[in-house]
Amino acid sequence: MEIREKINHFGPASMTTEQLFMLIIGSGTKQYPVEQIVQQLAYRSKNFTDLAALNAQTLLQIPGIGQANQGRILALLELMQRLKTCQWLPLQQPVAKNTIIQHLVTKYSGYQQEELMGFFLDVNQSLLAEKILFRGTLTMATVHPRELIKTALMLPCVSLVIAHNHPSGNLAPSQADLMFTQRLQSCCQLFNLNLLDHLIIGQDDFLSFQDRGLL
């Protein structure tokens, strides 16, 4: 049975990872059939366990993958990563810091884009909002506490937790991380907001500013 017939009859769940990639790539070329291309994808990604290895340069090194298939595969991998990080904690329910930590460690495992997150809590420690506040490296020039304060003041927020991920896995806070946290804490005090913690999320690990005495 052809792959396209199989997915029509039995659905995508019935197909192997190799077969799904074959559908995305299509027919391959006369010199390099699609089965051979997918075998190379599996080899270079350790049987699809290390999809980050399938970057733009690596894909073009695989015979039979031109710019069109490179674009399809990169778009697929980016979509998978974005959907993975579209996980949100339930609102209007009490949330403990450990729950936020577990949520973020799962969410950002393997994620290569640095993001700044904010968790806004009411007087009962119920979650009012979870927001991506910024994408990119924290610097004094690109991130200002006023954006967080503005969001907090629009809610019945009394406390907040901020977090950002270090895709490198290095949990050590940079000088910019420390300075940004100090500025944010000063701004929170001006508006009677309680900055509970700043979390740095690595690869399956985290650092808490509060636990380290940095707050």
Protein backbone atom coordinates (compact mmCIF):
# COMPACT_ATOMS: atom_id res chain seq x y z
CA MET A 1 0.00 0.00 0.00
CA GLU A 2 1.31 3.46 -0.92
CA ILE A 3 2.08 5.86 1.91
CA ARG A 4 -0.59 8.34 0.82
CA GLU A 5 -3.17 5.56 0.72
CA LYS A 6 -2.10 4.38 4.17
CA ILE A 7 -2.54 7.80 5.76
CA ASN A 8 -5.95 8.18 4.10
CA HIS A 9 -7.14 4.77 5.29
CA PHE A 10 -5.55 4.50 8.74
CA GLY A 11 -4.57 8.05 9.70
CA PRO A 12 -1.17 9.56 10.57
CA ALA A 13 -0.93 7.74 13.92
CA SER A 14 -0.47 4.46 12.02
CA MET A 15 2.66 5.69 10.28
CA THR A 16 6.31 5.55 11.31
CA THR A 17 8.38 8.70 11.73
CA GLU A 18 10.26 7.79 8.55
CA GLN A 19 7.00 7.51 6.60
CA LEU A 20 5.80 10.88 7.86
CA PHE A 21 9.04 12.50 6.70
CA MET A 22 8.66 10.76 3.35
CA LEU A 23 5.24 12.39 2.96
CA ILE A 24 6.69 15.81 3.73
CA ILE A 25 9.61 15.42 1.32
CA GLY A 26 7.60 13.86 -1.50
CA SER A 27 9.12 11.77 -4.23
CA GLY A 28 12.81 12.61 -3.87
CA THR A 29 14.87 12.66 -7.07
CA LYS A 30 15.87 10.11 -9.73
CA GLN A 31 19.34 9.85 -8.21
CA TYR A 32 18.27 10.03 -4.57
CA PRO A 33 14.95 8.33 -3.75
CA VAL A 34 12.97 9.60 -0.82
CA GLU A 35 13.72 6.50 1.27
CA GLN A 36 17.45 7.19 1.03
CA ILE A 37 16.97 10.85 1.98
CA VAL A 38 14.94 9.93 5.04
CA GLN A 39 17.58 7.39 6.08
CA GLN A 40 20.11 10.22 6.09
CA LEU A 41 17.78 12.38 8.16
CA ALA A 42 17.43 9.57 10.70
CA TYR A 43 21.20 9.02 10.80
CA ARG A 44 22.10 12.67 11.29
CA SER A 45 19.46 13.15 14.01
CA LYS A 46 20.27 9.93 15.91
CA ASN A 47 17.08 8.24 14.77
CA PHE A 48 15.09 11.48 15.18
CA THR A 49 15.99 11.86 18.86
CA ASP A 50 18.07 15.00 18.21
CA LEU A 51 16.00 17.08 15.80
CA ALA A 52 18.05 20.18 16.64
CA ALA A 53 20.86 18.58 14.64
CA LEU A 54 18.77 19.03 11.49
CA ASN A 55 19.70 22.67 11.01
CA ALA A 56 19.76 24.56 7.74
CA GLN A 57 23.39 23.75 6.94
CA THR A 58 23.12 20.06 7.80
CA LEU A 59 20.00 19.60 5.68
CA LEU A 60 21.67 20.97 2.58
CA GLN A 61 24.53 18.52 3.06
CA ILE A 62 22.14 15.61 2.54
CA PRO A 63 22.03 14.58 -1.13
CA GLY A 64 18.56 15.03 -2.59
CA ILE A 65 17.47 17.81 -0.26
CA GLY A 66 17.34 21.12 -2.06
CA GLN A 67 16.19 24.47 -0.79
CA ALA A 68 12.50 23.57 -1.19
CA ASN A 69 12.70 20.47 1.05
CA GLN A 70 15.07 22.27 3.39
CA GLY A 71 12.42 24.96 3.84
CA ARG A 72 9.65 22.40 4.42
CA ILE A 73 11.63 20.51 7.06
CA LEU A 74 12.80 23.66 8.85
CA ALA A 75 9.24 24.99 8.89
CA LEU A 76 7.99 21.68 10.31
CA LEU A 77 10.64 21.61 13.06
CA GLU A 78 9.94 25.23 14.01
CA LEU A 79 6.21 24.57 14.11
CA MET A 80 6.78 21.54 16.34
CA GLN A 81 8.88 23.63 18.71
CA ARG A 82 6.34 26.46 18.84
CA LEU A 83 3.46 24.11 19.52
CA LYS A 84 5.49 22.45 22.25
CA THR A 85 5.95 25.78 24.00
CA CYS A 86 2.25 26.69 23.63
CA GLN A 87 1.55 25.10 26.99
CA TRP A 88 -0.11 27.26 29.61
CA LEU A 89 -0.96 26.84 33.25
CA PRO A 90 -4.67 27.04 34.14
CA LEU A 91 -5.83 30.52 35.10
CA GLN A 92 -7.83 31.53 38.18
CA GLN A 93 -6.31 28.70 40.20
CA PRO A 94 -3.71 28.85 43.00
CA VAL A 95 -0.26 28.05 41.70
CA ALA A 96 2.87 27.21 43.69
CA LYS A 97 6.34 28.24 42.60
CA ASN A 98 7.34 24.59 42.21
CA THR A 99 4.46 24.13 39.76
CA ILE A 100 5.71 27.08 37.72
CA ILE A 101 9.23 25.64 37.75
CA GLN A 102 8.12 22.19 36.58
CA HIS A 103 5.97 23.79 33.89
CA LEU A 104 8.88 25.89 32.58
CA VAL A 105 11.47 23.11 32.68
CA THR A 106 9.17 20.96 30.54
CA LYS A 107 8.23 23.83 28.28
CA TYR A 108 11.75 25.01 27.48
CA SER A 109 13.58 21.70 27.30
CA GLY A 110 15.49 21.83 24.04
CA TYR A 111 14.09 25.24 23.10
CA GLN A 112 16.68 27.40 21.33
CA GLN A 113 14.98 30.83 21.47
CA GLU A 114 15.46 32.86 24.65
CA GLU A 115 12.20 34.19 26.10
CA LEU A 116 11.19 36.26 29.11
CA MET A 117 8.03 35.05 30.85
CA GLY A 118 5.84 36.68 33.47
CA PHE A 119 3.41 34.99 35.88
CA PHE A 120 0.99 37.41 37.52
CA LEU A 121 -0.72 36.37 40.77
CA ASP A 122 -3.53 37.81 42.88
CA VAL A 123 -3.77 38.04 46.65
CA ASN A 124 -4.72 34.34 46.87
CA GLN A 125 -1.73 33.32 44.72
CA SER A 126 -4.10 32.42 41.89
CA LEU A 127 -2.68 32.81 38.41
CA LEU A 128 -4.16 35.80 36.61
CA ALA A 129 -1.99 35.70 33.51
CA GLU A 130 1.00 33.94 31.98
CA LYS A 131 2.66 36.03 29.31
CA ILE A 132 5.65 35.95 26.99
CA LEU A 133 7.05 39.42 27.57
CA PHE A 134 10.07 39.39 25.32
CA ARG A 135 11.99 37.17 22.89
CA GLY A 136 15.74 37.57 22.79
CA THR A 137 18.65 38.17 25.16
CA LEU A 138 17.94 40.32 28.20
CA THR A 139 19.77 43.62 27.89
CA MET A 140 19.24 47.06 29.37
CA ALA A 141 18.54 48.42 25.89
CA THR A 142 15.82 45.98 24.84
CA VAL A 143 13.90 45.13 28.02
CA HIS A 144 12.49 47.63 30.49
CA PRO A 145 10.59 46.83 33.72
CA ARG A 146 7.79 49.22 32.76
CA GLU A 147 6.29 46.64 30.42
CA LEU A 148 5.91 44.16 33.27
CA ILE A 149 4.63 46.81 35.64
CA LYS A 150 2.09 47.98 33.06
CA THR A 151 0.77 44.45 32.64
CA ALA A 152 0.61 43.91 36.41
CA LEU A 153 -1.30 47.13 37.03
CA MET A 154 -3.93 46.19 34.45
CA LEU A 155 -4.71 43.11 36.56
CA PRO A 156 -5.62 42.74 40.25
CA CYS A 157 -2.03 41.59 40.62
CA VAL A 158 -0.16 41.70 43.93
CA SER A 159 2.83 39.50 43.14
CA LEU A 160 4.67 38.11 40.16
CA VAL A 161 7.30 35.60 39.12
CA ILE A 162 9.47 36.22 36.09
CA ALA A 163 11.51 33.63 34.25
CA HIS A 164 13.70 33.36 31.21
CA ASN A 165 15.48 30.44 29.62
CA HIS A 166 19.15 29.97 28.79
CA PRO A 167 19.24 27.71 25.71
CA SER A 168 22.93 27.03 26.35
CA GLY A 169 22.01 25.27 29.59
CA ASN A 170 24.35 27.53 31.59
CA LEU A 171 22.32 28.66 34.60
CA ALA A 172 24.73 31.35 35.76
CA PRO A 173 22.97 34.75 35.65
CA SER A 174 24.65 37.31 33.44
CA GLN A 175 25.38 40.84 34.57
CA ALA A 176 22.42 41.96 32.46
CA ASP A 177 20.19 39.43 34.25
CA LEU A 178 21.25 40.76 37.63
CA MET A 179 20.83 44.42 36.68
CA PHE A 180 17.43 43.84 35.09
CA THR A 181 16.21 42.00 38.20
CA GLN A 182 17.41 44.78 40.49
CA ARG A 183 15.64 47.42 38.38
CA LEU A 184 12.45 45.38 38.26
CA GLN A 185 12.48 44.80 42.00
CA SER A 186 12.87 48.56 42.63
CA CYS A 187 9.96 49.32 40.28
CA CYS A 188 7.77 46.67 41.92
CA GLN A 189 8.38 48.22 45.34
CA LEU A 190 7.24 51.61 44.02
CA PHE A 191 3.89 50.11 43.01
CA ASN A 192 3.46 47.80 46.02
CA LEU A 193 4.04 44.69 43.94
CA ASN A 194 5.92 41.70 45.28
CA LEU A 195 8.54 40.17 43.00
CA LEU A 196 8.53 36.61 44.31
CA ASP A 197 11.33 35.23 42.18
CA HIS A 198 13.31 35.37 38.96
CA LEU A 199 13.90 31.91 37.50
CA ILE A 200 16.52 30.94 34.94
CA ILE A 201 15.56 27.78 33.06
CA GLY A 202 18.26 25.62 31.51
CA GLN A 203 18.11 22.16 30.00
CA ASP A 204 16.07 20.17 32.56
CA ASP A 205 17.32 22.39 35.39
CA PHE A 206 16.75 25.84 36.88
CA LEU A 207 18.18 28.57 39.08
CA SER A 208 16.12 30.60 41.55
CA PHE A 209 17.25 34.14 42.38
CA GLN A 210 15.34 33.91 45.63
CA ASP A 211 16.98 30.65 46.68
CA ARG A 212 20.41 32.08 45.82
CA GLY A 213 19.81 35.21 47.86
CA LEU A 214 19.82 37.43 44.80
CA LEU A 215 16.42 38.96 45.64
